[in-house]
Amino acid sequence: AQISGRKMQEEKMIFYDVKGEFISKQFQPGDLIFSPFDARCLRWSLMNEIEIPPDLDVIAKSLYINPGNTNNDYFYDTAADIFRTGIVYLRREGRTKNRDILNFFSGSMEEIKAAFMTLPLEERGALKHIDKKDANSSATVISVLQGRLEFLRAMVELDGDFSFRKYIRGNRGKRQPKLFILNIDQYEKVFKPIMTLAIDVMIREALSLPDSATRRIWFIIDELGTLFKLDSLIKLERV
């Protein structure tokens, strides 16, 4: 409430909420909500956060962060590599909807391998993971790969133009609607990857903005433990 009453020229507020308390107290008409089970949910597509090729690596790493309960990064790094290559393939094919991503990575390893074989040689690096003969290792990688994309099942009808990155850098010089990102406790594990991704890409975008004495961006994060580890948050705290 104190932030809302300020007179800064450009101010943004991002709320990460697991119980809906911030929405019940601070939501006003025109504010934005990202919650797949809320009728007011923003229309968003995962591909919207990818603007240039390096974004592929950032998004892949953000989705496949090691949860911290294992010292073996291999499965998460491998899943990220396969995911990145799959997105390259889908973008070349013009298949950019949430359903396209979900369906592609729900396919068999042979189907994914066949798709990767159509890419230029320099984009086929992930094939080395698919060609491995270690069935147990491959099964674990696929489990990690598909598990982090479960949230897309609730997003297949929610494609739209919203971008978390564009929200951060948009409407310079103006006060923007508040953005509420709601992760209901009952579904927290399913949506943990996308909630982490949303916060991560917004923090990274905020850190890339030029300094401004007339801009304030507020991240109000409740229940930080419901997100995966965010290296970007450490960088934000140092600013």
C-alpha atoms as a PDB file:
ATOM      1  CA  ALA A   1       0.000   0.000   0.000  1.00  0.00           C
ATOM      2  CA  GLN A   2       2.886   2.363   0.754  1.00  0.00           C
ATOM      3  CA  ILE A   3       4.529   1.599  -2.581  1.00  0.00           C
ATOM      4  CA  SER A   4       1.238   2.149  -4.429  1.00  0.00           C
ATOM      5  CA  GLY A   5       0.973   5.598  -2.889  1.00  0.00           C
ATOM      6  CA  ARG A   6       4.384   6.728  -4.078  1.00  0.00           C
ATOM      7  CA  LYS A   7       4.757   9.298  -6.843  1.00  0.00           C
ATOM      8  CA  MET A   8       7.650   7.799  -8.781  1.00  0.00           C
ATOM      9  CA  GLN A   9       7.517   8.456 -12.502  1.00  0.00           C
ATOM     10  CA  GLU A  10       8.053   4.819 -13.401  1.00  0.00           C
ATOM     11  CA  GLU A  11       7.209   2.092 -10.924  1.00  0.00           C
ATOM     12  CA  LYS A  12       6.509  -1.618 -11.285  1.00  0.00           C
ATOM     13  CA  MET A  13       5.455  -4.133  -8.659  1.00  0.00           C
ATOM     14  CA  ILE A  14       5.726  -7.882  -9.097  1.00  0.00           C
ATOM     15  CA  PHE A  15       4.112 -10.058  -6.437  1.00  0.00           C
ATOM     16  CA  TYR A  16       4.827 -13.762  -6.072  1.00  0.00           C
ATOM     17  CA  ASP A  17       2.026 -15.138  -3.928  1.00  0.00           C
ATOM     18  CA  VAL A  18       1.179 -18.693  -2.833  1.00  0.00           C
ATOM     19  CA  LYS A  19      -1.972 -17.992  -0.819  1.00  0.00           C
ATOM     20  CA  GLY A  20      -3.656 -15.171  -2.702  1.00  0.00           C
ATOM     21  CA  GLU A  21      -3.302 -12.748   0.188  1.00  0.00           C
ATOM     22  CA  PHE A  22      -1.593 -10.065  -1.867  1.00  0.00           C
ATOM     23  CA  ILE A  23      -4.273 -10.282  -4.555  1.00  0.00           C
ATOM     24  CA  SER A  24      -7.073  -9.987  -1.998  1.00  0.00           C
ATOM     25  CA  LYS A  25      -5.490  -6.900  -0.443  1.00  0.00           C
ATOM     26  CA  GLN A  26      -3.694  -5.120  -3.285  1.00  0.00           C
ATOM     27  CA  PHE A  27      -5.373  -6.068  -6.571  1.00  0.00           C
ATOM     28  CA  GLN A  28      -7.070  -3.230  -8.436  1.00  0.00           C
ATOM     29  CA  PRO A  29      -8.926  -3.203 -11.780  1.00  0.00           C
ATOM     30  CA  GLY A  30      -6.398  -3.189 -14.582  1.00  0.00           C
ATOM     31  CA  ASP A  31      -3.759  -5.115 -12.641  1.00  0.00           C
ATOM     32  CA  LEU A  32      -2.361  -8.327 -14.134  1.00  0.00           C
ATOM     33  CA  ILE A  33      -2.619 -11.909 -12.879  1.00  0.00           C
ATOM     34  CA  PHE A  34      -0.624 -14.930 -13.963  1.00  0.00           C
ATOM     35  CA  SER A  35      -2.306 -18.025 -12.604  1.00  0.00           C
ATOM     36  CA  PRO A  36      -3.525 -20.761 -14.988  1.00  0.00           C
ATOM     37  CA  PHE A  37      -6.559 -21.558 -12.812  1.00  0.00           C
ATOM     38  CA  ASP A  38      -7.732 -17.959 -12.572  1.00  0.00           C
ATOM     39  CA  ALA A  39     -10.165 -16.750 -15.246  1.00  0.00           C
ATOM     40  CA  ARG A  40      -8.245 -13.457 -15.314  1.00  0.00           C
ATOM     41  CA  CYS A  41      -4.963 -15.166 -16.207  1.00  0.00           C
ATOM     42  CA  LEU A  42      -2.729 -13.457 -18.748  1.00  0.00           C
ATOM     43  CA  ARG A  43      -2.475 -14.992 -22.199  1.00  0.00           C
ATOM     44  CA  TRP A  44       1.123 -16.134 -22.418  1.00  0.00           C
ATOM     45  CA  SER A  45       3.294 -18.419 -24.526  1.00  0.00           C
ATOM     46  CA  LEU A  46       6.667 -19.794 -23.519  1.00  0.00           C
ATOM     47  CA  MET A  47       8.136 -18.824 -26.878  1.00  0.00           C
ATOM     48  CA  ASN A  48       7.432 -15.144 -26.100  1.00  0.00           C
ATOM     49  CA  GLU A  49      10.447 -15.045 -23.800  1.00  0.00           C
ATOM     50  CA  ILE A  50      12.801 -16.030 -26.643  1.00  0.00           C
ATOM     51  CA  GLU A  51      13.809 -13.045 -28.763  1.00  0.00           C
ATOM     52  CA  ILE A  52      17.367 -13.815 -29.871  1.00  0.00           C
ATOM     53  CA  PRO A  53      19.351 -17.106 -29.987  1.00  0.00           C
ATOM     54  CA  PRO A  54      21.168 -16.626 -26.631  1.00  0.00           C
ATOM     55  CA  ASP A  55      17.762 -16.477 -24.935  1.00  0.00           C
ATOM     56  CA  LEU A  56      17.386 -20.180 -25.698  1.00  0.00           C
ATOM     57  CA  ASP A  57      20.234 -21.026 -23.342  1.00  0.00           C
ATOM     58  CA  VAL A  58      18.930 -18.731 -20.597  1.00  0.00           C
ATOM     59  CA  ILE A  59      15.397 -20.169 -20.755  1.00  0.00           C
ATOM     60  CA  ALA A  60      16.640 -23.762 -20.878  1.00  0.00           C
ATOM     61  CA  LYS A  61      18.948 -23.294 -17.889  1.00  0.00           C
ATOM     62  CA  SER A  62      16.212 -21.533 -15.938  1.00  0.00           C
ATOM     63  CA  LEU A  63      13.677 -24.319 -16.529  1.00  0.00           C
ATOM     64  CA  TYR A  64      16.151 -27.054 -15.678  1.00  0.00           C
ATOM     65  CA  ILE A  65      17.789 -25.709 -12.536  1.00  0.00           C
ATOM     66  CA  ASN A  66      19.093 -28.461 -10.285  1.00  0.00           C
ATOM     67  CA  PRO A  67      16.660 -28.468  -7.333  1.00  0.00           C
ATOM     68  CA  GLY A  68      19.581 -28.762  -4.958  1.00  0.00           C
ATOM     69  CA  ASN A  69      18.818 -32.219  -3.562  1.00  0.00           C
ATOM     70  CA  THR A  70      21.463 -33.864  -5.729  1.00  0.00           C
ATOM     71  CA  ASN A  71      25.073 -33.116  -6.580  1.00  0.00           C
ATOM     72  CA  ASN A  72      24.669 -34.622 -10.034  1.00  0.00           C
ATOM     73  CA  ASP A  73      23.992 -31.801 -12.490  1.00  0.00           C
ATOM     74  CA  TYR A  74      24.240 -34.154 -15.461  1.00  0.00           C
ATOM     75  CA  PHE A  75      20.552 -34.989 -15.769  1.00  0.00           C
ATOM     76  CA  TYR A  76      19.449 -31.349 -15.553  1.00  0.00           C
ATOM     77  CA  ASP A  77      22.147 -30.079 -17.904  1.00  0.00           C
ATOM     78  CA  THR A  78      21.320 -32.833 -20.375  1.00  0.00           C
ATOM     79  CA  ALA A  79      17.575 -32.164 -20.191  1.00  0.00           C
ATOM     80  CA  ALA A  80      18.275 -28.452 -20.740  1.00  0.00           C
ATOM     81  CA  ASP A  81      20.377 -29.265 -23.809  1.00  0.00           C
ATOM     82  CA  ILE A  82      17.665 -31.476 -25.314  1.00  0.00           C
ATOM     83  CA  PHE A  83      15.004 -28.867 -24.522  1.00  0.00           C
ATOM     84  CA  ARG A  84      17.021 -26.104 -26.175  1.00  0.00           C
ATOM     85  CA  THR A  85      17.499 -28.161 -29.339  1.00  0.00           C
ATOM     86  CA  GLY A  86      13.809 -29.039 -29.395  1.00  0.00           C
ATOM     87  CA  ILE A  87      12.863 -25.356 -29.235  1.00  0.00           C
ATOM     88  CA  VAL A  88      15.257 -24.635 -32.123  1.00  0.00           C
ATOM     89  CA  TYR A  89      13.457 -27.312 -34.147  1.00  0.00           C
ATOM     90  CA  LEU A  90       9.964 -26.082 -33.252  1.00  0.00           C
ATOM     91  CA  ARG A  91      10.816 -22.465 -34.101  1.00  0.00           C
ATOM     92  CA  ARG A  92      12.149 -23.529 -37.506  1.00  0.00           C
ATOM     93  CA  GLU A  93       8.895 -25.410 -38.081  1.00  0.00           C
ATOM     94  CA  GLY A  94       6.739 -22.469 -37.013  1.00  0.00           C
ATOM     95  CA  ARG A  95       5.253 -24.492 -34.161  1.00  0.00           C
ATOM     96  CA  THR A  96       5.311 -21.910 -31.399  1.00  0.00           C
ATOM     97  CA  LYS A  97       2.275 -22.618 -29.227  1.00  0.00           C
ATOM     98  CA  ASN A  98       2.368 -24.116 -25.754  1.00  0.00           C
ATOM     99  CA  ARG A  99       0.589 -27.209 -27.072  1.00  0.00           C
ATOM    100  CA  ASP A 100       3.282 -27.661 -29.727  1.00  0.00           C
ATOM    101  CA  ILE A 101       6.007 -27.694 -27.076  1.00  0.00           C
ATOM    102  CA  LEU A 102       4.108 -30.094 -24.826  1.00  0.00           C
ATOM    103  CA  ASN A 103       3.272 -32.502 -27.644  1.00  0.00           C
ATOM    104  CA  PHE A 104       6.793 -32.521 -29.052  1.00  0.00           C
ATOM    105  CA  PHE A 105       8.489 -33.380 -25.784  1.00  0.00           C
ATOM    106  CA  SER A 106       5.792 -35.926 -24.950  1.00  0.00           C
ATOM    107  CA  GLY A 107       6.836 -37.914 -28.017  1.00  0.00           C
ATOM    108  CA  SER A 108       9.154 -40.899 -28.045  1.00  0.00           C
ATOM    109  CA  MET A 109      12.903 -40.516 -28.010  1.00  0.00           C
ATOM    110  CA  GLU A 110      13.011 -41.875 -31.554  1.00  0.00           C
ATOM    111  CA  GLU A 111      10.608 -39.167 -32.735  1.00  0.00           C
ATOM    112  CA  ILE A 112      12.659 -36.468 -31.045  1.00  0.00           C
ATOM    113  CA  LYS A 113      15.844 -37.916 -32.524  1.00  0.00           C
ATOM    114  CA  ALA A 114      14.343 -37.903 -36.033  1.00  0.00           C
ATOM    115  CA  ALA A 115      13.383 -34.238 -35.627  1.00  0.00           C
ATOM    116  CA  PHE A 116      16.879 -33.302 -34.448  1.00  0.00           C
ATOM    117  CA  MET A 117      18.394 -35.016 -37.488  1.00  0.00           C
ATOM    118  CA  THR A 118      16.690 -32.436 -39.736  1.00  0.00           C
ATOM    119  CA  LEU A 119      18.582 -29.559 -38.079  1.00  0.00           C
ATOM    120  CA  PRO A 120      21.850 -28.059 -39.325  1.00  0.00           C
ATOM    121  CA  LEU A 121      24.883 -29.963 -38.076  1.00  0.00           C
ATOM    122  CA  GLU A 122      25.839 -27.232 -35.579  1.00  0.00           C
ATOM    123  CA  GLU A 123      22.456 -27.606 -33.845  1.00  0.00           C
ATOM    124  CA  ARG A 124      22.598 -31.392 -33.399  1.00  0.00           C
ATOM    125  CA  GLY A 125      24.748 -31.469 -30.287  1.00  0.00           C
ATOM    126  CA  ALA A 126      21.934 -32.854 -28.130  1.00  0.00           C
ATOM    127  CA  LEU A 127      21.873 -36.021 -30.229  1.00  0.00           C
ATOM    128  CA  LYS A 128      24.803 -37.320 -28.216  1.00  0.00           C
ATOM    129  CA  HIS A 129      22.474 -37.597 -25.233  1.00  0.00           C
ATOM    130  CA  ILE A 130      19.759 -39.395 -27.190  1.00  0.00           C
ATOM    131  CA  ASP A 131      22.141 -41.896 -28.778  1.00  0.00           C
ATOM    132  CA  LYS A 132      23.438 -43.111 -25.423  1.00  0.00           C
ATOM    133  CA  LYS A 133      22.974 -46.839 -24.865  1.00  0.00           C
ATOM    134  CA  ASP A 134      22.544 -46.455 -21.116  1.00  0.00           C
ATOM    135  CA  ALA A 135      18.779 -47.020 -20.863  1.00  0.00           C
ATOM    136  CA  ASN A 136      18.549 -46.123 -17.175  1.00  0.00           C
ATOM    137  CA  SER A 137      20.375 -42.834 -17.678  1.00  0.00           C
ATOM    138  CA  SER A 138      18.250 -41.956 -20.714  1.00  0.00           C
ATOM    139  CA  ALA A 139      15.064 -42.757 -18.812  1.00  0.00           C
ATOM    140  CA  THR A 140      16.082 -40.416 -15.991  1.00  0.00           C
ATOM    141  CA  VAL A 141      16.887 -37.604 -18.421  1.00  0.00           C
ATOM    142  CA  ILE A 142      13.513 -37.999 -20.142  1.00  0.00           C
ATOM    143  CA  SER A 143      11.766 -38.005 -16.781  1.00  0.00           C
ATOM    144  CA  VAL A 144      13.466 -34.719 -15.840  1.00  0.00           C
ATOM    145  CA  LEU A 145      12.833 -33.266 -19.303  1.00  0.00           C
ATOM    146  CA  GLN A 146       9.111 -34.020 -19.323  1.00  0.00           C
ATOM    147  CA  GLY A 147       8.536 -33.412 -15.615  1.00  0.00           C
ATOM    148  CA  ARG A 148       9.584 -29.770 -15.827  1.00  0.00           C
ATOM    149  CA  LEU A 149       7.072 -29.185 -18.636  1.00  0.00           C
ATOM    150  CA  GLU A 150       4.005 -30.574 -16.857  1.00  0.00           C
ATOM    151  CA  PHE A 151       2.753 -27.022 -16.252  1.00  0.00           C
ATOM    152  CA  LEU A 152       2.134 -26.655 -19.998  1.00  0.00           C
ATOM    153  CA  ARG A 153      -0.874 -28.973 -19.709  1.00  0.00           C
ATOM    154  CA  ALA A 154      -2.696 -26.116 -17.990  1.00  0.00           C
ATOM    155  CA  MET A 155      -1.396 -23.585 -20.518  1.00  0.00           C
ATOM    156  CA  VAL A 156      -2.403 -25.132 -23.849  1.00  0.00           C
ATOM    157  CA  GLU A 157      -5.432 -22.839 -24.176  1.00  0.00           C
ATOM    158  CA  LEU A 158      -3.713 -19.749 -22.800  1.00  0.00           C
ATOM    159  CA  ASP A 159      -1.443 -18.760 -25.692  1.00  0.00           C
ATOM    160  CA  GLY A 160      -1.141 -15.014 -26.116  1.00  0.00           C
ATOM    161  CA  ASP A 161       1.171 -12.045 -26.529  1.00  0.00           C
ATOM    162  CA  PHE A 162       2.180 -11.331 -22.925  1.00  0.00           C
ATOM    163  CA  SER A 163       5.900 -11.457 -22.150  1.00  0.00           C
ATOM    164  CA  PHE A 164       7.436 -11.161 -18.693  1.00  0.00           C
ATOM    165  CA  ARG A 165      10.528  -9.578 -20.208  1.00  0.00           C
ATOM    166  CA  LYS A 166       8.552  -6.972 -22.116  1.00  0.00           C
ATOM    167  CA  TYR A 167       6.568  -6.163 -18.989  1.00  0.00           C
ATOM    168  CA  ILE A 168       9.799  -5.259 -17.194  1.00  0.00           C
ATOM    169  CA  ARG A 169      11.142  -3.016 -19.928  1.00  0.00           C
ATOM    170  CA  GLY A 170       7.832  -1.709 -21.283  1.00  0.00           C
ATOM    171  CA  ASN A 171       6.095   1.650 -20.875  1.00  0.00           C
ATOM    172  CA  ARG A 172       9.168   3.512 -19.778  1.00  0.00           C
ATOM    173  CA  GLY A 173       8.398   6.691 -17.911  1.00  0.00           C
ATOM    174  CA  LYS A 174       4.947   5.449 -16.886  1.00  0.00           C
ATOM    175  CA  ARG A 175       3.556   3.582 -13.912  1.00  0.00           C
ATOM    176  CA  GLN A 176       2.482   0.079 -14.894  1.00  0.00           C
ATOM    177  CA  PRO A 177      -0.255  -2.200 -13.554  1.00  0.00           C
ATOM    178  CA  LYS A 178       0.853  -4.483 -10.743  1.00  0.00           C
ATOM    179  CA  LEU A 179       1.682  -8.058 -11.747  1.00  0.00           C
ATOM    180  CA  PHE A 180       0.545 -10.884  -9.474  1.00  0.00           C
ATOM    181  CA  ILE A 181       2.105 -14.322 -10.018  1.00  0.00           C
ATOM    182  CA  LEU A 182       0.066 -16.833  -8.067  1.00  0.00           C
ATOM    183  CA  ASN A 183       1.311 -20.345  -7.287  1.00  0.00           C
ATOM    184  CA  ILE A 184      -1.395 -22.145  -5.328  1.00  0.00           C
ATOM    185  CA  ASP A 185       0.081 -24.472  -2.704  1.00  0.00           C
ATOM    186  CA  GLN A 186      -1.986 -27.432  -3.916  1.00  0.00           C
ATOM    187  CA  TYR A 187      -0.273 -27.325  -7.349  1.00  0.00           C
ATOM    188  CA  GLU A 188       3.031 -25.809  -6.248  1.00  0.00           C
ATOM    189  CA  LYS A 189       5.252 -28.685  -7.445  1.00  0.00           C
ATOM    190  CA  VAL A 190       3.746 -28.711 -10.947  1.00  0.00           C
ATOM    191  CA  PHE A 191       4.063 -24.961 -11.452  1.00  0.00           C
ATOM    192  CA  LYS A 192       7.357 -24.474  -9.649  1.00  0.00           C
ATOM    193  CA  PRO A 193       9.362 -24.524 -12.935  1.00  0.00           C
ATOM    194  CA  ILE A 194       7.302 -21.834 -14.681  1.00  0.00           C
ATOM    195  CA  MET A 195       7.059 -19.660 -11.584  1.00  0.00           C
ATOM    196  CA  THR A 196      10.842 -19.841 -11.191  1.00  0.00           C
ATOM    197  CA  LEU A 197      11.284 -19.075 -14.891  1.00  0.00           C
ATOM    198  CA  ALA A 198       8.984 -16.039 -14.728  1.00  0.00           C
ATOM    199  CA  ILE A 199      10.784 -14.517 -11.742  1.00  0.00           C
ATOM    200  CA  ASP A 200      14.199 -15.383 -13.152  1.00  0.00           C
ATOM    201  CA  VAL A 201      13.676 -13.804 -16.582  1.00  0.00           C
ATOM    202  CA  MET A 202      12.184 -10.655 -15.050  1.00  0.00           C
ATOM    203  CA  ILE A 203      15.093 -10.234 -12.649  1.00  0.00           C
ATOM    204  CA  ARG A 204      17.582 -10.737 -15.469  1.00  0.00           C
ATOM    205  CA  GLU A 205      15.713  -8.243 -17.645  1.00  0.00           C
ATOM    206  CA  ALA A 206      15.643  -5.704 -14.800  1.00  0.00           C
ATOM    207  CA  LEU A 207      19.384  -6.092 -14.279  1.00  0.00           C
ATOM    208  CA  SER A 208      19.992  -5.419 -17.975  1.00  0.00           C
ATOM    209  CA  LEU A 209      18.144  -2.082 -17.960  1.00  0.00           C
ATOM    210  CA  PRO A 210      20.158   1.141 -17.943  1.00  0.00           C
ATOM    211  CA  ASP A 211      20.292   2.981 -14.625  1.00  0.00           C
ATOM    212  CA  SER A 212      17.481   5.455 -14.022  1.00  0.00           C
ATOM    213  CA  ALA A 213      16.809   7.773 -11.101  1.00  0.00           C
ATOM    214  CA  THR A 214      13.085   7.812 -11.942  1.00  0.00           C
ATOM    215  CA  ARG A 215      12.499   4.041 -12.065  1.00  0.00           C
ATOM    216  CA  ARG A 216      11.730   1.568  -9.295  1.00  0.00           C
ATOM    217  CA  ILE A 217      11.006  -2.136  -9.792  1.00  0.00           C
ATOM    218  CA  TRP A 218       9.756  -3.987  -6.728  1.00  0.00           C
ATOM    219  CA  PHE A 219       9.850  -7.771  -6.357  1.00  0.00           C
ATOM    220  CA  ILE A 220       7.659  -8.860  -3.446  1.00  0.00           C
ATOM    221  CA  ILE A 221       8.298 -12.599  -3.102  1.00  0.00           C
ATOM    222  CA  ASP A 222       6.371 -14.604  -0.523  1.00  0.00           C
ATOM    223  CA  GLU A 223       7.485 -18.162   0.311  1.00  0.00           C
ATOM    224  CA  LEU A 224      10.816 -18.050  -1.524  1.00  0.00           C
ATOM    225  CA  GLY A 225      11.278 -21.744  -0.761  1.00  0.00           C
ATOM    226  CA  THR A 226       8.540 -22.659  -3.262  1.00  0.00           C
ATOM    227  CA  LEU A 227      10.874 -21.604  -6.088  1.00  0.00           C
ATOM    228  CA  PHE A 228      14.017 -23.286  -7.353  1.00  0.00           C
ATOM    229  CA  LYS A 229      17.348 -21.692  -6.499  1.00  0.00           C
ATOM    230  CA  LEU A 230      17.739 -18.343  -8.289  1.00  0.00           C
ATOM    231  CA  ASP A 231      21.292 -17.182  -8.920  1.00  0.00           C
ATOM    232  CA  SER A 232      19.817 -14.045 -10.478  1.00  0.00           C
ATOM    233  CA  LEU A 233      18.253 -13.141  -7.130  1.00  0.00           C
ATOM    234  CA  ILE A 234      21.708 -12.989  -5.545  1.00  0.00           C
ATOM    235  CA  LYS A 235      22.800 -10.606  -8.285  1.00  0.00           C
ATOM    236  CA  LEU A 236      19.695  -8.480  -7.731  1.00  0.00           C
ATOM    237  CA  GLU A 237      20.419  -8.149  -4.021  1.00  0.00           C
ATOM    238  CA  ARG A 238      23.874  -6.789  -4.816  1.00  0.00           C
ATOM    239  CA  VAL A 239      22.555  -3.939  -6.974  1.00  0.00           C
END
